[in-house]
C-alpha atoms as a PDB file:
ATOM      1  CA  MET A   1       9.273  25.840   8.610  1.00  0.00           C
ATOM      2  CA  GLN A   2      10.974  23.662  11.284  1.00  0.00           C
ATOM      3  CA  LYS A   3      12.613  20.508   9.720  1.00  0.00           C
ATOM      4  CA  PHE A   4      12.748  17.501  12.122  1.00  0.00           C
ATOM      5  CA  SER A   5      15.369  14.765  11.663  1.00  0.00           C
ATOM      6  CA  VAL A   6      15.665  11.285  13.057  1.00  0.00           C
ATOM      7  CA  PRO A   7      18.935  10.803  14.883  1.00  0.00           C
ATOM      8  CA  THR A   8      21.457   8.027  14.021  1.00  0.00           C
ATOM      9  CA  ARG A   9      22.801   5.745  16.591  1.00  0.00           C
ATOM     10  CA  GLN A  10      26.008   7.879  16.992  1.00  0.00           C
ATOM     11  CA  GLU A  11      23.831  11.062  17.798  1.00  0.00           C
ATOM     12  CA  VAL A  12      22.098   9.563  20.834  1.00  0.00           C
ATOM     13  CA  SER A  13      23.249   8.759  24.468  1.00  0.00           C
ATOM     14  CA  GLU A  14      24.961   5.549  25.356  1.00  0.00           C
ATOM     15  CA  THR A  15      21.824   4.325  27.056  1.00  0.00           C
ATOM     16  CA  ASN A  16      19.657   4.873  23.867  1.00  0.00           C
ATOM     17  CA  GLN A  17      22.563   3.296  21.806  1.00  0.00           C
ATOM     18  CA  ALA A  18      22.123   0.119  23.863  1.00  0.00           C
ATOM     19  CA  ILE A  19      18.386   0.295  23.205  1.00  0.00           C
ATOM     20  CA  PHE A  20      19.054   0.807  19.465  1.00  0.00           C
ATOM     21  CA  ASP A  21      21.274  -2.283  19.450  1.00  0.00           C
ATOM     22  CA  LYS A  22      18.578  -4.261  21.085  1.00  0.00           C
ATOM     23  CA  LEU A  23      15.931  -3.127  18.615  1.00  0.00           C
ATOM     24  CA  GLN A  24      18.262  -3.797  15.705  1.00  0.00           C
ATOM     25  CA  GLN A  25      18.665  -7.273  17.045  1.00  0.00           C
ATOM     26  CA  GLN A  26      14.985  -7.906  17.639  1.00  0.00           C
ATOM     27  CA  LEU A  27      13.414  -6.114  14.600  1.00  0.00           C
ATOM     28  CA  GLY A  28      16.267  -5.864  12.153  1.00  0.00           C
ATOM     29  CA  PHE A  29      16.079  -2.071  12.136  1.00  0.00           C
ATOM     30  CA  VAL A  30      15.374   0.844  14.395  1.00  0.00           C
ATOM     31  CA  PRO A  31      11.976   2.329  13.436  1.00  0.00           C
ATOM     32  CA  ASN A  32      12.219   6.102  12.876  1.00  0.00           C
ATOM     33  CA  LEU A  33       9.539   6.666  15.624  1.00  0.00           C
ATOM     34  CA  TYR A  34      11.683   4.940  18.196  1.00  0.00           C
ATOM     35  CA  ALA A  35      14.859   6.683  16.998  1.00  0.00           C
ATOM     36  CA  TYR A  36      13.079  10.014  17.311  1.00  0.00           C
ATOM     37  CA  TYR A  37      12.173   9.299  20.867  1.00  0.00           C
ATOM     38  CA  ALA A  38      15.985   8.928  21.614  1.00  0.00           C
ATOM     39  CA  LYS A  39      16.522  12.686  21.133  1.00  0.00           C
ATOM     40  CA  ASN A  40      15.440  12.693  24.754  1.00  0.00           C
ATOM     41  CA  ASP A  41      17.557  10.684  27.159  1.00  0.00           C
ATOM     42  CA  THR A  42      14.614   8.786  28.886  1.00  0.00           C
ATOM     43  CA  ALA A  43      11.716   9.000  26.449  1.00  0.00           C
ATOM     44  CA  LEU A  44      12.639   5.832  24.367  1.00  0.00           C
ATOM     45  CA  ALA A  45      12.996   3.578  27.376  1.00  0.00           C
ATOM     46  CA  ASP A  46       9.928   5.075  29.053  1.00  0.00           C
ATOM     47  CA  TYR A  47       7.890   4.651  25.795  1.00  0.00           C
ATOM     48  CA  LEU A  48       9.050   1.103  25.273  1.00  0.00           C
ATOM     49  CA  THR A  49       8.193   0.189  28.903  1.00  0.00           C
ATOM     50  CA  LEU A  50       4.627   1.453  28.330  1.00  0.00           C
ATOM     51  CA  GLN A  51       4.301  -0.170  25.019  1.00  0.00           C
ATOM     52  CA  ASN A  52       5.521  -3.605  26.206  1.00  0.00           C
ATOM     53  CA  ARG A  53       3.622  -3.749  29.521  1.00  0.00           C
ATOM     54  CA  LYS A  54       1.576  -6.785  30.334  1.00  0.00           C
ATOM     55  CA  SER A  55      -1.935  -6.362  29.139  1.00  0.00           C
ATOM     56  CA  THR A  56      -5.335  -8.169  29.389  1.00  0.00           C
ATOM     57  CA  LEU A  57      -5.731  -7.550  25.686  1.00  0.00           C
ATOM     58  CA  LYS A  58      -4.575  -9.994  22.990  1.00  0.00           C
ATOM     59  CA  ALA A  59      -2.167  -8.791  20.307  1.00  0.00           C
ATOM     60  CA  LYS A  60      -4.986  -8.547  17.726  1.00  0.00           C
ATOM     61  CA  GLU A  61      -7.040  -6.531  20.145  1.00  0.00           C
ATOM     62  CA  ARG A  62      -4.161  -4.142  20.705  1.00  0.00           C
ATOM     63  CA  GLU A  63      -3.805  -3.727  17.044  1.00  0.00           C
ATOM     64  CA  VAL A  64      -7.539  -2.825  16.671  1.00  0.00           C
ATOM     65  CA  VAL A  65      -7.015  -0.078  19.237  1.00  0.00           C
ATOM     66  CA  ASN A  66      -3.837   1.085  17.564  1.00  0.00           C
ATOM     67  CA  LEU A  67      -5.292   1.111  14.102  1.00  0.00           C
ATOM     68  CA  VAL A  68      -8.472   2.931  15.054  1.00  0.00           C
ATOM     69  CA  THR A  69      -6.764   5.519  17.244  1.00  0.00           C
ATOM     70  CA  SER A  70      -4.104   6.277  14.603  1.00  0.00           C
ATOM     71  CA  GLN A  71      -6.777   6.656  11.923  1.00  0.00           C
ATOM     72  CA  ILE A  72      -8.809   9.087  14.053  1.00  0.00           C
ATOM     73  CA  ASN A  73      -5.737  11.044  14.853  1.00  0.00           C
ATOM     74  CA  GLY A  74      -4.601  11.071  11.122  1.00  0.00           C
ATOM     75  CA  CYS A  75      -1.212   9.624  11.911  1.00  0.00           C
ATOM     76  CA  HIS A  76      -0.103   8.023   8.638  1.00  0.00           C
ATOM     77  CA  TYR A  77       3.143   6.696  10.223  1.00  0.00           C
ATOM     78  CA  CYS A  78       1.284   4.799  12.831  1.00  0.00           C
ATOM     79  CA  GLN A  79      -1.330   3.647  10.372  1.00  0.00           C
ATOM     80  CA  SER A  80       1.486   2.160   8.229  1.00  0.00           C
ATOM     81  CA  ALA A  81       3.437   0.664  11.154  1.00  0.00           C
ATOM     82  CA  HIS A  82       0.254  -0.999  12.655  1.00  0.00           C
ATOM     83  CA  THR A  83      -0.828  -2.193   9.189  1.00  0.00           C
ATOM     84  CA  ALA A  84       2.464  -4.094   9.002  1.00  0.00           C
ATOM     85  CA  ILE A  85       2.002  -5.367  12.602  1.00  0.00           C
ATOM     86  CA  GLY A  86      -1.582  -6.243  11.923  1.00  0.00           C
ATOM     87  CA  LYS A  87      -0.577  -8.459   8.925  1.00  0.00           C
ATOM     88  CA  MET A  88       1.960 -10.307  11.344  1.00  0.00           C
ATOM     89  CA  ASN A  89      -1.054 -10.828  13.719  1.00  0.00           C
ATOM     90  CA  GLY A  90      -3.216 -12.365  11.000  1.00  0.00           C
ATOM     91  CA  PHE A  91      -5.400  -9.455   9.757  1.00  0.00           C
ATOM     92  CA  THR A  92      -5.978  -9.136   5.974  1.00  0.00           C
ATOM     93  CA  ASP A  93      -5.552  -5.881   4.108  1.00  0.00           C
ATOM     94  CA  ASP A  94      -9.396  -5.502   3.729  1.00  0.00           C
ATOM     95  CA  GLN A  95      -9.895  -6.171   7.479  1.00  0.00           C
ATOM     96  CA  MET A  96      -7.302  -3.532   8.481  1.00  0.00           C
ATOM     97  CA  VAL A  97      -8.978  -0.962   6.199  1.00  0.00           C
ATOM     98  CA  GLU A  98     -12.312  -1.802   7.818  1.00  0.00           C
ATOM     99  CA  ILE A  99     -10.826  -1.632  11.277  1.00  0.00           C
ATOM    100  CA  ARG A 100      -9.305   1.733  10.470  1.00  0.00           C
ATOM    101  CA  SER A 101     -12.757   2.879   9.453  1.00  0.00           C
ATOM    102  CA  GLY A 102     -14.005   1.988  13.035  1.00  0.00           C
ATOM    103  CA  SER A 103     -15.606  -1.375  12.645  1.00  0.00           C
ATOM    104  CA  ALA A 104     -14.760  -5.123  12.226  1.00  0.00           C
ATOM    105  CA  SER A 105     -17.850  -6.830  10.787  1.00  0.00           C
ATOM    106  CA  PHE A 106     -15.791 -10.034  10.309  1.00  0.00           C
ATOM    107  CA  ASP A 107     -15.673 -10.586  14.162  1.00  0.00           C
ATOM    108  CA  GLY A 108     -18.325  -9.346  16.615  1.00  0.00           C
ATOM    109  CA  LYS A 109     -16.073  -8.984  19.617  1.00  0.00           C
ATOM    110  CA  LEU A 110     -13.449  -6.988  17.614  1.00  0.00           C
ATOM    111  CA  ASP A 111     -16.213  -4.938  16.118  1.00  0.00           C
ATOM    112  CA  ALA A 112     -17.382  -3.953  19.613  1.00  0.00           C
ATOM    113  CA  LEU A 113     -13.861  -3.037  20.545  1.00  0.00           C
ATOM    114  CA  ALA A 114     -13.341  -0.914  17.358  1.00  0.00           C
ATOM    115  CA  LYS A 115     -16.509   0.969  17.890  1.00  0.00           C
ATOM    116  CA  PHE A 116     -15.771   1.485  21.647  1.00  0.00           C
ATOM    117  CA  THR A 117     -12.297   2.673  20.780  1.00  0.00           C
ATOM    118  CA  ALA A 118     -13.535   5.032  18.173  1.00  0.00           C
ATOM    119  CA  SER A 119     -16.105   6.512  20.397  1.00  0.00           C
ATOM    120  CA  ALA A 120     -13.666   6.933  23.279  1.00  0.00           C
ATOM    121  CA  VAL A 121     -10.993   8.632  21.110  1.00  0.00           C
ATOM    122  CA  GLN A 122     -13.436  10.824  19.247  1.00  0.00           C
ATOM    123  CA  ASN A 123     -15.066  11.910  22.523  1.00  0.00           C
ATOM    124  CA  ARG A 124     -11.948  12.273  24.620  1.00  0.00           C
ATOM    125  CA  GLY A 125     -12.743   9.415  26.880  1.00  0.00           C
ATOM    126  CA  ARG A 126     -16.469   9.959  27.049  1.00  0.00           C
ATOM    127  CA  ALA A 127     -17.432   6.941  24.875  1.00  0.00           C
ATOM    128  CA  ASP A 128     -21.153   6.861  24.157  1.00  0.00           C
ATOM    129  CA  GLU A 129     -23.331   4.552  26.201  1.00  0.00           C
ATOM    130  CA  THR A 130     -24.222   2.392  23.240  1.00  0.00           C
ATOM    131  CA  ALA A 131     -20.452   1.670  22.377  1.00  0.00           C
ATOM    132  CA  LYS A 132     -19.770   1.098  26.134  1.00  0.00           C
ATOM    133  CA  ALA A 133     -22.751  -1.393  26.526  1.00  0.00           C
ATOM    134  CA  ALA A 134     -21.679  -3.294  23.329  1.00  0.00           C
ATOM    135  CA  PHE A 135     -18.068  -3.441  24.543  1.00  0.00           C
ATOM    136  CA  PHE A 136     -19.212  -5.118  27.852  1.00  0.00           C
ATOM    137  CA  ALA A 137     -21.809  -7.309  26.123  1.00  0.00           C
ATOM    138  CA  ALA A 138     -19.025  -8.643  23.827  1.00  0.00           C
ATOM    139  CA  GLY A 139     -17.315  -9.977  26.973  1.00  0.00           C
ATOM    140  CA  TYR A 140     -14.799  -7.263  27.756  1.00  0.00           C
ATOM    141  CA  THR A 141     -14.271  -6.389  31.463  1.00  0.00           C
ATOM    142  CA  GLU A 142     -13.374  -3.240  33.271  1.00  0.00           C
ATOM    143  CA  ALA A 143      -9.670  -4.434  33.377  1.00  0.00           C
ATOM    144  CA  ASN A 144      -9.903  -4.600  29.589  1.00  0.00           C
ATOM    145  CA  LEU A 145     -11.358  -1.081  29.569  1.00  0.00           C
ATOM    146  CA  ILE A 146      -8.388   0.154  31.540  1.00  0.00           C
ATOM    147  CA  ASP A 147      -5.990  -1.627  28.996  1.00  0.00           C
ATOM    148  CA  VAL A 148      -7.850  -0.128  26.079  1.00  0.00           C
ATOM    149  CA  VAL A 149      -7.372   3.358  27.588  1.00  0.00           C
ATOM    150  CA  ILE A 150      -3.700   2.716  28.196  1.00  0.00           C
ATOM    151  CA  VAL A 151      -3.216   1.524  24.548  1.00  0.00           C
ATOM    152  CA  ILE A 152      -5.072   4.610  23.308  1.00  0.00           C
ATOM    153  CA  GLY A 153      -2.829   6.793  25.425  1.00  0.00           C
ATOM    154  CA  ASP A 154       0.294   5.015  24.166  1.00  0.00           C
ATOM    155  CA  LYS A 155      -0.887   5.480  20.597  1.00  0.00           C
ATOM    156  CA  ILE A 156      -1.862   9.168  21.069  1.00  0.00           C
ATOM    157  CA  ILE A 157       1.770   9.846  22.179  1.00  0.00           C
ATOM    158  CA  SER A 158       3.151   8.355  18.968  1.00  0.00           C
ATOM    159  CA  ASN A 159       0.492   9.933  16.785  1.00  0.00           C
ATOM    160  CA  TYR A 160       1.190  13.374  18.131  1.00  0.00           C
ATOM    161  CA  ILE A 161       5.017  12.945  17.914  1.00  0.00           C
ATOM    162  CA  HIS A 162       4.709  12.010  14.247  1.00  0.00           C
ATOM    163  CA  ASN A 163       1.955  14.542  13.475  1.00  0.00           C
ATOM    164  CA  LEU A 164       4.194  17.193  14.963  1.00  0.00           C
ATOM    165  CA  THR A 165       7.375  16.239  13.286  1.00  0.00           C
ATOM    166  CA  GLY A 166       6.475  14.426   9.979  1.00  0.00           C
ATOM    167  CA  PHE A 167       9.664  12.398   9.710  1.00  0.00           C
ATOM    168  CA  ALA A 168       9.840   9.673   7.072  1.00  0.00           C
ATOM    169  CA  ILE A 169       7.644   6.608   7.221  1.00  0.00           C
ATOM    170  CA  ASP A 170       9.984   3.580   7.233  1.00  0.00           C
ATOM    171  CA  PHE A 171       7.198   0.897   6.949  1.00  0.00           C
ATOM    172  CA  PRO A 172       5.310  -0.064   3.827  1.00  0.00           C
ATOM    173  CA  VAL A 173       2.973   2.905   3.465  1.00  0.00           C
ATOM    174  CA  ALA A 174      -0.628   2.096   4.292  1.00  0.00           C
ATOM    175  CA  PRO A 175      -3.301   3.126   1.817  1.00  0.00           C
ATOM    176  CA  GLN A 176      -5.059   6.364   2.490  1.00  0.00           C
ATOM    177  CA  LEU A 177      -8.756   5.895   3.209  1.00  0.00           C
ATOM    178  CA  LEU A 178     -11.195   8.021   1.245  1.00  0.00           C
ATOM    179  CA  ALA A 179     -12.255   9.961   4.333  1.00  0.00           C
ATOM    180  CA  ASN A 180     -10.451  10.244   7.726  1.00  0.00           C
ATOM    181  CA  ALA A 181     -12.824   7.483   8.968  1.00  0.00           C
ATOM    182  CA  ALA A 182     -13.472   6.075  12.405  1.00  0.00           C
END
């Protein structure tokens, strides 16, 4: 069985070392996912550019998309990372479990977003008409739809990287849901 390791700062290119230094300064550590991207000379910078692009979605809305997508794709690393980030954005533990399950009964607009995201991810971009109609009825626009798809794509990249490699989770581990919900 192939064993995957997370590189240290000394094991990556000078360009990636500079990114590690910036992440260390901003976050207090370099998350293992980001470090793993640094095995490739351009992937870390490319990924961070995608992840940090300007969006029509608010931070909480991006976290809904991240949590739902990560749950459907079974990525425990991203579920854990985005549970920690969700807490920083004001979600409670119970709310995040509900979001991961594909709904948000505590907020009608976020509920429409969670259900739309779940339908889009489960159906590979062919969200059902009910989820789409509810998304737009909740006040989302076509510009928002584009940003949801970009966030889904961003998260699928990370989900697949971790699901393929299984390196250590360096965030507080999110609780497993009874079934792979959403």
